[in-house]
PDB file of N, CA and C in Angstrom:
ATOM      1  N   MET A   1      95.414   5.454  73.553  1.00  0.00           N
ATOM      2  CA  MET A   1      96.459   5.014  72.646  1.00  0.00           C
ATOM      3  C   MET A   1      96.322   5.772  71.331  1.00  0.00           C
ATOM      4  N   PRO A   2      97.462   6.216  70.765  1.00  0.00           N
ATOM      5  CA  PRO A   2      97.394   6.931  69.491  1.00  0.00           C
ATOM      6  C   PRO A   2      96.910   6.029  68.352  1.00  0.00           C
ATOM      7  N   ALA A   3      96.480   6.635  67.264  1.00  0.00           N
ATOM      8  CA  ALA A   3      96.027   5.893  66.085  1.00  0.00           C
ATOM      9  C   ALA A   3      97.247   5.477  65.272  1.00  0.00           C
ATOM     10  N   ILE A   4      97.823   4.321  65.624  1.00  0.00           N
ATOM     11  CA  ILE A   4      99.045   3.832  64.988  1.00  0.00           C
ATOM     12  C   ILE A   4      98.678   2.916  63.821  1.00  0.00           C
ATOM     13  N   THR A   5      99.332   3.148  62.690  1.00  0.00           N
ATOM     14  CA  THR A   5      99.210   2.245  61.555  1.00  0.00           C
ATOM     15  C   THR A   5     100.470   1.388  61.548  1.00  0.00           C
ATOM     16  N   TRP A   6     100.307   0.090  61.857  1.00  0.00           N
ATOM     17  CA  TRP A   6     101.441  -0.825  61.941  1.00  0.00           C
ATOM     18  C   TRP A   6     101.727  -1.447  60.581  1.00  0.00           C
ATOM     19  N   GLY A   7     103.008  -1.582  60.259  1.00  0.00           N
ATOM     20  CA  GLY A   7     103.427  -2.291  59.060  1.00  0.00           C
ATOM     21  C   GLY A   7     103.513  -3.785  59.339  1.00  0.00           C
ATOM     22  N   ASP A   8     103.817  -4.544  58.303  1.00  0.00           N
ATOM     23  CA  ASP A   8     104.001  -5.984  58.456  1.00  0.00           C
ATOM     24  C   ASP A   8     105.200  -6.256  59.359  1.00  0.00           C
ATOM     25  N   PRO A   9     105.167  -7.367  60.099  1.00  0.00           N
ATOM     26  CA  PRO A   9     106.288  -7.702  60.991  1.00  0.00           C
ATOM     27  C   PRO A   9     107.566  -8.049  60.227  1.00  0.00           C
ATOM     28  N   PHE A  10     108.703  -7.720  60.839  1.00  0.00           N
ATOM     29  CA  PHE A  10     110.023  -8.132  60.377  1.00  0.00           C
ATOM     30  C   PHE A  10     110.454  -9.255  61.307  1.00  0.00           C
ATOM     31  N   CYS A  11     110.658 -10.451  60.764  1.00  0.00           N
ATOM     32  CA  CYS A  11     110.935 -11.622  61.597  1.00  0.00           C
ATOM     33  C   CYS A  11     112.272 -12.243  61.242  1.00  0.00           C
ATOM     34  N   GLY A  12     112.957 -12.729  62.283  1.00  0.00           N
ATOM     35  CA  GLY A  12     114.170 -13.511  62.095  1.00  0.00           C
ATOM     36  C   GLY A  12     113.850 -14.978  62.302  1.00  0.00           C
ATOM     37  N   GLU A  13     114.820 -15.812  62.104  1.00  0.00           N
ATOM     38  CA  GLU A  13     114.619 -17.247  62.291  1.00  0.00           C
ATOM     39  C   GLU A  13     114.431 -17.559  63.772  1.00  0.00           C
ATOM     40  N   GLY A  14     113.253 -18.014  64.136  1.00  0.00           N
ATOM     41  CA  GLY A  14     112.973 -18.414  65.513  1.00  0.00           C
ATOM     42  C   GLY A  14     113.014 -17.280  66.522  1.00  0.00           C
ATOM     43  N   ALA A  15     112.987 -16.038  66.060  1.00  0.00           N
ATOM     44  CA  ALA A  15     113.080 -14.895  66.966  1.00  0.00           C
ATOM     45  C   ALA A  15     111.760 -14.138  66.988  1.00  0.00           C
ATOM     46  N   ASN A  16     111.678 -13.207  67.917  1.00  0.00           N
ATOM     47  CA  ASN A  16     110.509 -12.331  67.947  1.00  0.00           C
ATOM     48  C   ASN A  16     110.456 -11.498  66.671  1.00  0.00           C
ATOM     49  N   CYS A  17     109.276 -11.085  66.314  1.00  0.00           N
ATOM     50  CA  CYS A  17     109.080 -10.233  65.155  1.00  0.00           C
ATOM     51  C   CYS A  17     108.875  -8.797  65.613  1.00  0.00           C
ATOM     52  N   PHE A  18     109.497  -7.872  64.930  1.00  0.00           N
ATOM     53  CA  PHE A  18     109.354  -6.456  65.234  1.00  0.00           C
ATOM     54  C   PHE A  18     108.430  -5.811  64.219  1.00  0.00           C
ATOM     55  N   ARG A  19     107.685  -4.812  64.676  1.00  0.00           N
ATOM     56  CA  ARG A  19     106.808  -4.050  63.783  1.00  0.00           C
ATOM     57  C   ARG A  19     107.132  -2.574  63.914  1.00  0.00           C
ATOM     58  N   LEU A  20     107.059  -1.869  62.798  1.00  0.00           N
ATOM     59  CA  LEU A  20     107.222  -0.420  62.765  1.00  0.00           C
ATOM     60  C   LEU A  20     105.873   0.186  62.435  1.00  0.00           C
ATOM     61  N   GLY A  21     105.588   1.330  63.019  1.00  0.00           N
ATOM     62  CA  GLY A  21     104.328   2.003  62.753  1.00  0.00           C
ATOM     63  C   GLY A  21     104.494   3.508  62.774  1.00  0.00           C
ATOM     64  N   THR A  22     103.480   4.192  62.286  1.00  0.00           N
ATOM     65  CA  THR A  22     103.448   5.658  62.298  1.00  0.00           C
ATOM     66  C   THR A  22     102.044   6.114  62.672  1.00  0.00           C
ATOM     67  N   ASP A  23     101.952   7.377  63.068  1.00  0.00           N
ATOM     68  CA  ASP A  23     100.634   7.951  63.332  1.00  0.00           C
ATOM     69  C   ASP A  23     100.481   9.244  62.533  1.00  0.00           C
ATOM     70  N   PRO A  24      99.286   9.808  62.486  1.00  0.00           N
ATOM     71  CA  PRO A  24      99.053  11.018  61.686  1.00  0.00           C
ATOM     72  C   PRO A  24      99.796  12.255  62.192  1.00  0.00           C
ATOM     73  N   ASP A  25     100.330  12.203  63.430  1.00  0.00           N
ATOM     74  CA  ASP A  25     101.015  13.361  64.002  1.00  0.00           C
ATOM     75  C   ASP A  25     102.515  13.382  63.718  1.00  0.00           C
ATOM     76  N   GLY A  26     103.014  12.419  62.923  1.00  0.00           N
ATOM     77  CA  GLY A  26     104.434  12.402  62.573  1.00  0.00           C
ATOM     78  C   GLY A  26     105.304  11.609  63.520  1.00  0.00           C
ATOM     79  N   ASN A  27     104.710  10.792  64.363  1.00  0.00           N
ATOM     80  CA  ASN A  27     105.481   9.958  65.280  1.00  0.00           C
ATOM     81  C   ASN A  27     105.712   8.586  64.667  1.00  0.00           C
ATOM     82  N   ALA A  28     106.787   7.934  65.093  1.00  0.00           N
ATOM     83  CA  ALA A  28     107.113   6.585  64.647  1.00  0.00           C
ATOM     84  C   ALA A  28     107.152   5.675  65.873  1.00  0.00           C
ATOM     85  N   TYR A  29     106.866   4.388  65.651  1.00  0.00           N
ATOM     86  CA  TYR A  29     106.757   3.426  66.737  1.00  0.00           C
ATOM     87  C   TYR A  29     107.464   2.132  66.363  1.00  0.00           C
ATOM     88  N   ILE A  30     108.056   1.476  67.368  1.00  0.00           N
ATOM     89  CA  ILE A  30     108.632   0.147  67.219  1.00  0.00           C
ATOM     90  C   ILE A  30     108.066  -0.712  68.346  1.00  0.00           C
ATOM     91  N   THR A  31     107.656  -1.937  68.010  1.00  0.00           N
ATOM     92  CA  THR A  31     107.120  -2.853  69.012  1.00  0.00           C
ATOM     93  C   THR A  31     107.469  -4.282  68.629  1.00  0.00           C
ATOM     94  N   VAL A  32     107.244  -5.198  69.551  1.00  0.00           N
ATOM     95  CA  VAL A  32     107.336  -6.629  69.268  1.00  0.00           C
ATOM     96  C   VAL A  32     105.947  -7.059  68.812  1.00  0.00           C
ATOM     97  N   ALA A  33     105.881  -7.772  67.684  1.00  0.00           N
ATOM     98  CA  ALA A  33     104.590  -8.219  67.159  1.00  0.00           C
ATOM     99  C   ALA A  33     103.852  -9.022  68.234  1.00  0.00           C
ATOM    100  N   GLY A  34     102.596  -8.697  68.402  1.00  0.00           N
ATOM    101  CA  GLY A  34     101.767  -9.339  69.409  1.00  0.00           C
ATOM    102  C   GLY A  34     101.712  -8.577  70.718  1.00  0.00           C
ATOM    103  N   ASP A  35     102.568  -7.565  70.871  1.00  0.00           N
ATOM    104  CA  ASP A  35     102.596  -6.745  72.086  1.00  0.00           C
ATOM    105  C   ASP A  35     102.503  -5.267  71.707  1.00  0.00           C
ATOM    106  N   GLU A  36     101.568  -4.945  70.811  1.00  0.00           N
ATOM    107  CA  GLU A  36     101.447  -3.592  70.277  1.00  0.00           C
ATOM    108  C   GLU A  36     101.010  -2.557  71.302  1.00  0.00           C
ATOM    109  N   GLU A  37     100.610  -2.986  72.475  1.00  0.00           N
ATOM    110  CA  GLU A  37     100.244  -2.035  73.536  1.00  0.00           C
ATOM    111  C   GLU A  37     101.489  -1.450  74.209  1.00  0.00           C
ATOM    112  N   THR A  38     102.641  -2.110  74.020  1.00  0.00           N
ATOM    113  CA  THR A  38     103.907  -1.651  74.590  1.00  0.00           C
ATOM    114  C   THR A  38     104.822  -1.313  73.428  1.00  0.00           C
ATOM    115  N   TYR A  39     105.263  -0.069  73.345  1.00  0.00           N
ATOM    116  CA  TYR A  39     106.051   0.348  72.194  1.00  0.00           C
ATOM    117  C   TYR A  39     107.020   1.445  72.572  1.00  0.00           C
ATOM    118  N   LEU A  40     108.002   1.646  71.716  1.00  0.00           N
ATOM    119  CA  LEU A  40     108.953   2.742  71.797  1.00  0.00           C
ATOM    120  C   LEU A  40     108.523   3.761  70.759  1.00  0.00           C
ATOM    121  N   THR A  41     108.508   5.024  71.112  1.00  0.00           N
ATOM    122  CA  THR A  41     108.080   6.049  70.162  1.00  0.00           C
ATOM    123  C   THR A  41     109.104   7.171  70.067  1.00  0.00           C
ATOM    124  N   ASP A  42     109.196   7.740  68.889  1.00  0.00           N
ATOM    125  CA  ASP A  42     110.049   8.889  68.622  1.00  0.00           C
ATOM    126  C   ASP A  42     109.529   9.537  67.343  1.00  0.00           C
ATOM    127  N   SER A  43     110.254  10.481  66.808  1.00  0.00           N
ATOM    128  CA  SER A  43     109.814  11.150  65.578  1.00  0.00           C
ATOM    129  C   SER A  43     110.106  10.277  64.357  1.00  0.00           C
ATOM    130  N   ARG A  44     109.437  10.574  63.260  1.00  0.00           N
ATOM    131  CA  ARG A  44     109.734   9.867  62.012  1.00  0.00           C
ATOM    132  C   ARG A  44     111.170  10.138  61.578  1.00  0.00           C
ATOM    133  N   ASP A  45     111.682  11.341  61.868  1.00  0.00           N
ATOM    134  CA  ASP A  45     113.080  11.646  61.532  1.00  0.00           C
ATOM    135  C   ASP A  45     114.032  10.739  62.296  1.00  0.00           C
ATOM    136  N   ALA A  46     113.731  10.461  63.562  1.00  0.00           N
ATOM    137  CA  ALA A  46     114.569   9.560  64.350  1.00  0.00           C
ATOM    138  C   ALA A  46     114.500   8.141  63.796  1.00  0.00           C
ATOM    139  N   LEU A  47     113.315   7.692  63.397  1.00  0.00           N
ATOM    140  CA  LEU A  47     113.172   6.370  62.794  1.00  0.00           C
ATOM    141  C   LEU A  47     113.946   6.300  61.480  1.00  0.00           C
ATOM    142  N   ARG A  48     113.862   7.335  60.680  1.00  0.00           N
ATOM    143  CA  ARG A  48     114.593   7.396  59.418  1.00  0.00           C
ATOM    144  C   ARG A  48     116.098   7.284  59.681  1.00  0.00           C
ATOM    145  N   ALA A  49     116.607   8.010  60.671  1.00  0.00           N
ATOM    146  CA  ALA A  49     118.032   7.959  61.014  1.00  0.00           C
ATOM    147  C   ALA A  49     118.426   6.565  61.492  1.00  0.00           C
ATOM    148  N   LEU A  50     117.569   5.916  62.274  1.00  0.00           N
ATOM    149  CA  LEU A  50     117.833   4.560  62.742  1.00  0.00           C
ATOM    150  C   LEU A  50     117.942   3.595  61.565  1.00  0.00           C
ATOM    151  N   ILE A  51     116.978   3.643  60.674  1.00  0.00           N
ATOM    152  CA  ILE A  51     116.976   2.730  59.521  1.00  0.00           C
ATOM    153  C   ILE A  51     118.184   2.987  58.627  1.00  0.00           C
ATOM    154  N   LEU A  52     118.492   4.240  58.353  1.00  0.00           N
ATOM    155  CA  LEU A  52     119.655   4.548  57.520  1.00  0.00           C
ATOM    156  C   LEU A  52     120.947   4.090  58.188  1.00  0.00           C
ATOM    157  N   GLY A  53     121.046   4.252  59.502  1.00  0.00           N
ATOM    158  CA  GLY A  53     122.225   3.783  60.231  1.00  0.00           C
ATOM    159  C   GLY A  53     122.368   2.277  60.168  1.00  0.00           C
ATOM    160  N   ILE A  54     121.268   1.568  60.322  1.00  0.00           N
ATOM    161  CA  ILE A  54     121.300   0.101  60.230  1.00  0.00           C
ATOM    162  C   ILE A  54     121.719  -0.313  58.829  1.00  0.00           C
ATOM    163  N   LYS A  55     121.140   0.325  57.816  1.00  0.00           N
ATOM    164  CA  LYS A  55     121.488  -0.015  56.434  1.00  0.00           C
ATOM    165  C   LYS A  55     122.962   0.289  56.144  1.00  0.00           C
ATOM    166  N   ALA A  56     123.530   1.290  56.813  1.00  0.00           N
ATOM    167  CA  ALA A  56     124.928   1.660  56.612  1.00  0.00           C
ATOM    168  C   ALA A  56     125.880   0.764  57.396  1.00  0.00           C
ATOM    169  N   GLY A  57     125.338  -0.184  58.175  1.00  0.00           N
ATOM    170  CA  GLY A  57     126.179  -1.114  58.910  1.00  0.00           C
ATOM    171  C   GLY A  57     126.559  -0.680  60.313  1.00  0.00           C
ATOM    172  N   GLU A  58     125.961   0.403  60.801  1.00  0.00           N
ATOM    173  CA  GLU A  58     126.323   0.915  62.118  1.00  0.00           C
ATOM    174  C   GLU A  58     125.898   0.014  63.278  1.00  0.00           C
ATOM    175  N   ALA A  59     125.038  -0.970  63.008  1.00  0.00           N
ATOM    176  CA  ALA A  59     124.604  -1.882  64.062  1.00  0.00           C
ATOM    177  C   ALA A  59     125.121  -3.307  63.824  1.00  0.00           C
ATOM    178  N   ASP A  60     126.023  -3.478  62.868  1.00  0.00           N
ATOM    179  CA  ASP A  60     126.516  -4.818  62.548  1.00  0.00           C
ATOM    180  C   ASP A  60     127.194  -5.493  63.740  1.00  0.00           C
ATOM    181  N   HIS A  61     127.767  -4.728  64.640  1.00  0.00           N
ATOM    182  CA  HIS A  61     128.436  -5.313  65.811  1.00  0.00           C
ATOM    183  C   HIS A  61     127.436  -6.016  66.745  1.00  0.00           C
ATOM    184  N   LEU A  62     126.150  -5.773  66.561  1.00  0.00           N
ATOM    185  CA  LEU A  62     125.126  -6.411  67.400  1.00  0.00           C
ATOM    186  C   LEU A  62     124.718  -7.789  66.860  1.00  0.00           C
ATOM    187  N   LEU A  63     125.138  -8.109  65.671  1.00  0.00           N
ATOM    188  CA  LEU A  63     124.758  -9.384  65.037  1.00  0.00           C
ATOM    189  C   LEU A  63     125.691 -10.499  65.424  1.00  0.00           C
TER     190      LEU A  63
END
């Protein structure tokens, strides 16, 4: 397993908590808190694009 540095969980009301992480090689990770052995990985640039898209409202239809 890569050396992932996980951030604090992002939690909703009564929902699972998500965690974002990075490693020294420039990769980014998303997982469900408590299940850090199973994760989605991509580049930090892809994570940046995801976060900016969410902040811009591109995922509002999922709410």
